[in-house]
């Protein structure tokens, strides 16, 4: 089984990693941990911006952040109870996360994509878009969306 897990350092993506780490997988399964970052040129390209911006420094910082995120997730997957049965690799993707995840799933020939859901409301999803919704709608394979667990503090 080939599993692509997309992570972004959020609590939701941590929950997805924890879920996968505990899951028994067929021997010989391959897991690719990916994180995508967008070019700062697209985010900060304002022609009237009077401040000089070091785009290369911003991009390098985003790439490094994504690298740390995938490495941390891979370490958790390597330490899971089923870790001896599968191979874990990491990849940092540059581009709009929705598109980058979908493109990588095709290139990796994923059987399953796992990612976390931020659980945004309707307005935020409309304004910002939803990576998990776009991936679930357009993926070339099955998709599992993991929500972060909500802990109830009330005791009976």
C-alpha atoms as a PDB file:
ATOM      1  CA  UNK A   1       0.000   0.000   0.000  1.00  0.00           C
ATOM      2  CA  UNK A   2       1.293   3.471  -0.892  1.00  0.00           C
ATOM      3  CA  UNK A   3       0.180   6.223   1.484  1.00  0.00           C
ATOM      4  CA  UNK A   4       0.807   9.923   1.048  1.00  0.00           C
ATOM      5  CA  UNK A   5       0.310  11.911   4.253  1.00  0.00           C
ATOM      6  CA  UNK A   6       0.213  15.700   3.956  1.00  0.00           C
ATOM      7  CA  UNK A   7       1.273  17.675   7.024  1.00  0.00           C
ATOM      8  CA  UNK A   8       1.432  21.360   7.878  1.00  0.00           C
ATOM      9  CA  UNK A   9       2.405  21.416  11.555  1.00  0.00           C
ATOM     10  CA  UNK A  10      -1.148  22.049  12.790  1.00  0.00           C
ATOM     11  CA  UNK A  11      -2.919  20.093  15.524  1.00  0.00           C
ATOM     12  CA  UNK A  12      -5.071  18.502  12.825  1.00  0.00           C
ATOM     13  CA  UNK A  13      -2.086  17.246  10.877  1.00  0.00           C
ATOM     14  CA  UNK A  14      -0.485  15.994  14.120  1.00  0.00           C
ATOM     15  CA  UNK A  15      -3.686  14.012  14.740  1.00  0.00           C
ATOM     16  CA  UNK A  16      -3.416  12.514  11.239  1.00  0.00           C
ATOM     17  CA  UNK A  17       0.188  11.452  11.901  1.00  0.00           C
ATOM     18  CA  UNK A  18      -0.766   9.950  15.276  1.00  0.00           C
ATOM     19  CA  UNK A  19      -3.634   8.049  13.641  1.00  0.00           C
ATOM     20  CA  UNK A  20      -1.385   6.617  10.928  1.00  0.00           C
ATOM     21  CA  UNK A  21       1.408   5.736  13.390  1.00  0.00           C
ATOM     22  CA  UNK A  22      -0.999   3.496  15.348  1.00  0.00           C
ATOM     23  CA  UNK A  23      -2.519   1.785  12.330  1.00  0.00           C
ATOM     24  CA  UNK A  24      -1.406  -1.677  11.262  1.00  0.00           C
ATOM     25  CA  UNK A  25      -0.452  -1.587   7.577  1.00  0.00           C
ATOM     26  CA  UNK A  26       0.356  -4.369   5.153  1.00  0.00           C
ATOM     27  CA  UNK A  27       4.005  -5.367   5.267  1.00  0.00           C
ATOM     28  CA  UNK A  28       6.008  -3.511   2.638  1.00  0.00           C
ATOM     29  CA  UNK A  29       3.778  -0.443   2.698  1.00  0.00           C
ATOM     30  CA  UNK A  30       5.358   2.856   1.683  1.00  0.00           C
ATOM     31  CA  UNK A  31       4.533   6.172   3.328  1.00  0.00           C
ATOM     32  CA  UNK A  32       5.518   9.509   1.851  1.00  0.00           C
ATOM     33  CA  UNK A  33       5.246  12.480   4.205  1.00  0.00           C
ATOM     34  CA  UNK A  34       4.810  15.772   2.348  1.00  0.00           C
ATOM     35  CA  UNK A  35       4.429  19.408   3.230  1.00  0.00           C
ATOM     36  CA  UNK A  36       3.820  22.198   0.732  1.00  0.00           C
ATOM     37  CA  UNK A  37       4.813  25.847   0.901  1.00  0.00           C
ATOM     38  CA  UNK A  38       3.855  28.668  -1.415  1.00  0.00           C
ATOM     39  CA  UNK A  39       6.217  31.068  -3.076  1.00  0.00           C
ATOM     40  CA  UNK A  40       6.375  34.382  -1.203  1.00  0.00           C
ATOM     41  CA  UNK A  41       6.244  36.160  -4.567  1.00  0.00           C
ATOM     42  CA  UNK A  42       2.611  35.195  -4.948  1.00  0.00           C
ATOM     43  CA  UNK A  43       1.741  36.164  -1.381  1.00  0.00           C
ATOM     44  CA  UNK A  44       3.618  39.453  -1.183  1.00  0.00           C
ATOM     45  CA  UNK A  45       3.624  40.820  -4.708  1.00  0.00           C
ATOM     46  CA  UNK A  46       2.187  44.251  -4.088  1.00  0.00           C
ATOM     47  CA  UNK A  47       3.319  46.867  -6.622  1.00  0.00           C
ATOM     48  CA  UNK A  48       2.753  49.708  -4.162  1.00  0.00           C
ATOM     49  CA  UNK A  49       4.674  48.036  -1.317  1.00  0.00           C
ATOM     50  CA  UNK A  50       7.190  50.634  -0.169  1.00  0.00           C
ATOM     51  CA  UNK A  51       9.176  48.230   1.998  1.00  0.00           C
ATOM     52  CA  UNK A  52      11.987  46.222   0.472  1.00  0.00           C
ATOM     53  CA  UNK A  53      11.247  42.526   0.895  1.00  0.00           C
ATOM     54  CA  UNK A  54      13.843  39.750   0.779  1.00  0.00           C
ATOM     55  CA  UNK A  55      11.793  37.122  -1.070  1.00  0.00           C
ATOM     56  CA  UNK A  56      14.641  34.629  -1.154  1.00  0.00           C
ATOM     57  CA  UNK A  57      15.021  34.762   2.624  1.00  0.00           C
ATOM     58  CA  UNK A  58      11.273  34.292   3.123  1.00  0.00           C
ATOM     59  CA  UNK A  59      11.178  31.374   0.699  1.00  0.00           C
ATOM     60  CA  UNK A  60      14.193  29.748   2.364  1.00  0.00           C
ATOM     61  CA  UNK A  61      12.510  30.089   5.778  1.00  0.00           C
ATOM     62  CA  UNK A  62       9.262  28.563   4.477  1.00  0.00           C
ATOM     63  CA  UNK A  63      11.132  25.692   2.835  1.00  0.00           C
ATOM     64  CA  UNK A  64      13.057  25.043   6.073  1.00  0.00           C
ATOM     65  CA  UNK A  65       9.840  25.129   8.111  1.00  0.00           C
ATOM     66  CA  UNK A  66       8.259  22.580   5.755  1.00  0.00           C
ATOM     67  CA  UNK A  67      11.379  20.393   5.984  1.00  0.00           C
ATOM     68  CA  UNK A  68      11.214  20.407   9.805  1.00  0.00           C
ATOM     69  CA  UNK A  69       7.508  19.540   9.722  1.00  0.00           C
ATOM     70  CA  UNK A  70       7.990  16.502   7.454  1.00  0.00           C
ATOM     71  CA  UNK A  71      11.017  15.309   9.434  1.00  0.00           C
ATOM     72  CA  UNK A  72       9.105  15.519  12.739  1.00  0.00           C
ATOM     73  CA  UNK A  73       6.179  13.600  11.244  1.00  0.00           C
ATOM     74  CA  UNK A  74       8.499  10.963   9.770  1.00  0.00           C
ATOM     75  CA  UNK A  75      10.160  10.490  13.159  1.00  0.00           C
ATOM     76  CA  UNK A  76       6.760   9.877  14.765  1.00  0.00           C
ATOM     77  CA  UNK A  77       5.909   7.353  12.053  1.00  0.00           C
ATOM     78  CA  UNK A  78       9.284   5.610  12.476  1.00  0.00           C
ATOM     79  CA  UNK A  79       8.601   5.286  16.219  1.00  0.00           C
ATOM     80  CA  UNK A  80       5.075   3.870  15.848  1.00  0.00           C
ATOM     81  CA  UNK A  81       4.312   0.273  16.861  1.00  0.00           C
ATOM     82  CA  UNK A  82       4.080  -0.833  13.218  1.00  0.00           C
ATOM     83  CA  UNK A  83       7.145   1.081  11.983  1.00  0.00           C
ATOM     84  CA  UNK A  84       9.273  -1.975  11.153  1.00  0.00           C
ATOM     85  CA  UNK A  85       6.838  -3.036   8.430  1.00  0.00           C
ATOM     86  CA  UNK A  86       7.011  -0.005   6.170  1.00  0.00           C
ATOM     87  CA  UNK A  87       9.304   2.507   4.490  1.00  0.00           C
ATOM     88  CA  UNK A  88       8.883   6.215   5.287  1.00  0.00           C
ATOM     89  CA  UNK A  89      10.198   8.979   3.015  1.00  0.00           C
ATOM     90  CA  UNK A  90       9.767  12.751   3.101  1.00  0.00           C
ATOM     91  CA  UNK A  91       9.316  15.422   0.463  1.00  0.00           C
ATOM     92  CA  UNK A  92       8.913  19.196   0.553  1.00  0.00           C
ATOM     93  CA  UNK A  93       6.672  20.543  -2.192  1.00  0.00           C
ATOM     94  CA  UNK A  94       6.635  24.067  -3.578  1.00  0.00           C
ATOM     95  CA  UNK A  95       3.292  25.382  -4.742  1.00  0.00           C
ATOM     96  CA  UNK A  96      -0.308  25.881  -3.764  1.00  0.00           C
ATOM     97  CA  UNK A  97      -0.893  23.060  -1.230  1.00  0.00           C
ATOM     98  CA  UNK A  98      -4.082  21.749  -2.864  1.00  0.00           C
ATOM     99  CA  UNK A  99      -2.457  21.358  -6.254  1.00  0.00           C
ATOM    100  CA  UNK A 100       0.934  20.222  -4.928  1.00  0.00           C
ATOM    101  CA  UNK A 101      -0.629  17.409  -2.873  1.00  0.00           C
ATOM    102  CA  UNK A 102      -2.755  16.223  -5.776  1.00  0.00           C
ATOM    103  CA  UNK A 103       0.169  16.305  -8.208  1.00  0.00           C
ATOM    104  CA  UNK A 104       2.411  14.414  -5.787  1.00  0.00           C
ATOM    105  CA  UNK A 105      -0.283  11.801  -5.120  1.00  0.00           C
ATOM    106  CA  UNK A 106      -0.340  11.074  -8.850  1.00  0.00           C
ATOM    107  CA  UNK A 107       3.460  11.002  -9.156  1.00  0.00           C
ATOM    108  CA  UNK A 108       3.792   8.757  -6.070  1.00  0.00           C
ATOM    109  CA  UNK A 109       0.927   6.560  -7.304  1.00  0.00           C
ATOM    110  CA  UNK A 110      -0.714   6.806  -3.886  1.00  0.00           C
ATOM    111  CA  UNK A 111      -3.408   4.336  -2.884  1.00  0.00           C
ATOM    112  CA  UNK A 112      -4.463   6.624  -0.031  1.00  0.00           C
ATOM    113  CA  UNK A 113      -3.983  10.264   0.941  1.00  0.00           C
ATOM    114  CA  UNK A 114      -4.260  11.171   4.617  1.00  0.00           C
ATOM    115  CA  UNK A 115      -4.470  14.761   5.827  1.00  0.00           C
ATOM    116  CA  UNK A 116      -5.873  16.742   8.714  1.00  0.00           C
ATOM    117  CA  UNK A 117      -8.892  19.009   8.657  1.00  0.00           C
ATOM    118  CA  UNK A 118      -8.742  22.423  10.240  1.00  0.00           C
ATOM    119  CA  UNK A 119     -12.477  22.362  10.812  1.00  0.00           C
ATOM    120  CA  UNK A 120     -13.099  25.885   9.556  1.00  0.00           C
ATOM    121  CA  UNK A 121     -16.594  27.240   9.271  1.00  0.00           C
ATOM    122  CA  UNK A 122     -18.474  27.865   6.019  1.00  0.00           C
ATOM    123  CA  UNK A 123     -17.360  31.476   5.611  1.00  0.00           C
ATOM    124  CA  UNK A 124     -13.666  30.720   6.168  1.00  0.00           C
ATOM    125  CA  UNK A 125     -13.849  27.765   3.760  1.00  0.00           C
ATOM    126  CA  UNK A 126     -15.501  30.007   1.172  1.00  0.00           C
ATOM    127  CA  UNK A 127     -12.930  32.794   1.567  1.00  0.00           C
ATOM    128  CA  UNK A 128      -9.791  30.700   2.081  1.00  0.00           C
ATOM    129  CA  UNK A 129     -10.703  27.462   0.373  1.00  0.00           C
ATOM    130  CA  UNK A 130     -10.235  24.089   1.965  1.00  0.00           C
ATOM    131  CA  UNK A 131      -7.211  21.961   1.164  1.00  0.00           C
ATOM    132  CA  UNK A 132      -8.865  18.816   2.519  1.00  0.00           C
ATOM    133  CA  UNK A 133     -12.057  19.465   0.544  1.00  0.00           C
ATOM    134  CA  UNK A 134     -10.143  20.076  -2.699  1.00  0.00           C
ATOM    135  CA  UNK A 135      -8.015  16.971  -2.195  1.00  0.00           C
ATOM    136  CA  UNK A 136     -11.027  14.804  -1.339  1.00  0.00           C
ATOM    137  CA  UNK A 137     -12.888  16.073  -4.409  1.00  0.00           C
ATOM    138  CA  UNK A 138     -10.086  15.743  -6.959  1.00  0.00           C
ATOM    139  CA  UNK A 139      -7.775  12.984  -5.678  1.00  0.00           C
ATOM    140  CA  UNK A 140      -6.873  10.068  -7.931  1.00  0.00           C
ATOM    141  CA  UNK A 141      -7.258   7.680  -4.967  1.00  0.00           C
ATOM    142  CA  UNK A 142      -9.020   7.298  -1.621  1.00  0.00           C
ATOM    143  CA  UNK A 143      -8.697  10.135   0.893  1.00  0.00           C
ATOM    144  CA  UNK A 144      -8.916  10.057   4.670  1.00  0.00           C
ATOM    145  CA  UNK A 145      -9.463  13.324   6.508  1.00  0.00           C
ATOM    146  CA  UNK A 146      -8.579  13.248  10.205  1.00  0.00           C
ATOM    147  CA  UNK A 147     -10.000  15.762  12.648  1.00  0.00           C
ATOM    148  CA  UNK A 148      -8.098  16.646  15.783  1.00  0.00           C
ATOM    149  CA  UNK A 149      -9.650  15.002  18.822  1.00  0.00           C
ATOM    150  CA  UNK A 150     -11.709  17.258  21.029  1.00  0.00           C
ATOM    151  CA  UNK A 151     -11.209  16.467  24.675  1.00  0.00           C
ATOM    152  CA  UNK A 152     -14.083  17.016  27.053  1.00  0.00           C
ATOM    153  CA  UNK A 153     -12.994  18.470  30.357  1.00  0.00           C
ATOM    154  CA  UNK A 154     -16.295  17.999  32.162  1.00  0.00           C
ATOM    155  CA  UNK A 155     -16.191  15.072  34.555  1.00  0.00           C
ATOM    156  CA  UNK A 156     -19.208  13.188  35.767  1.00  0.00           C
END
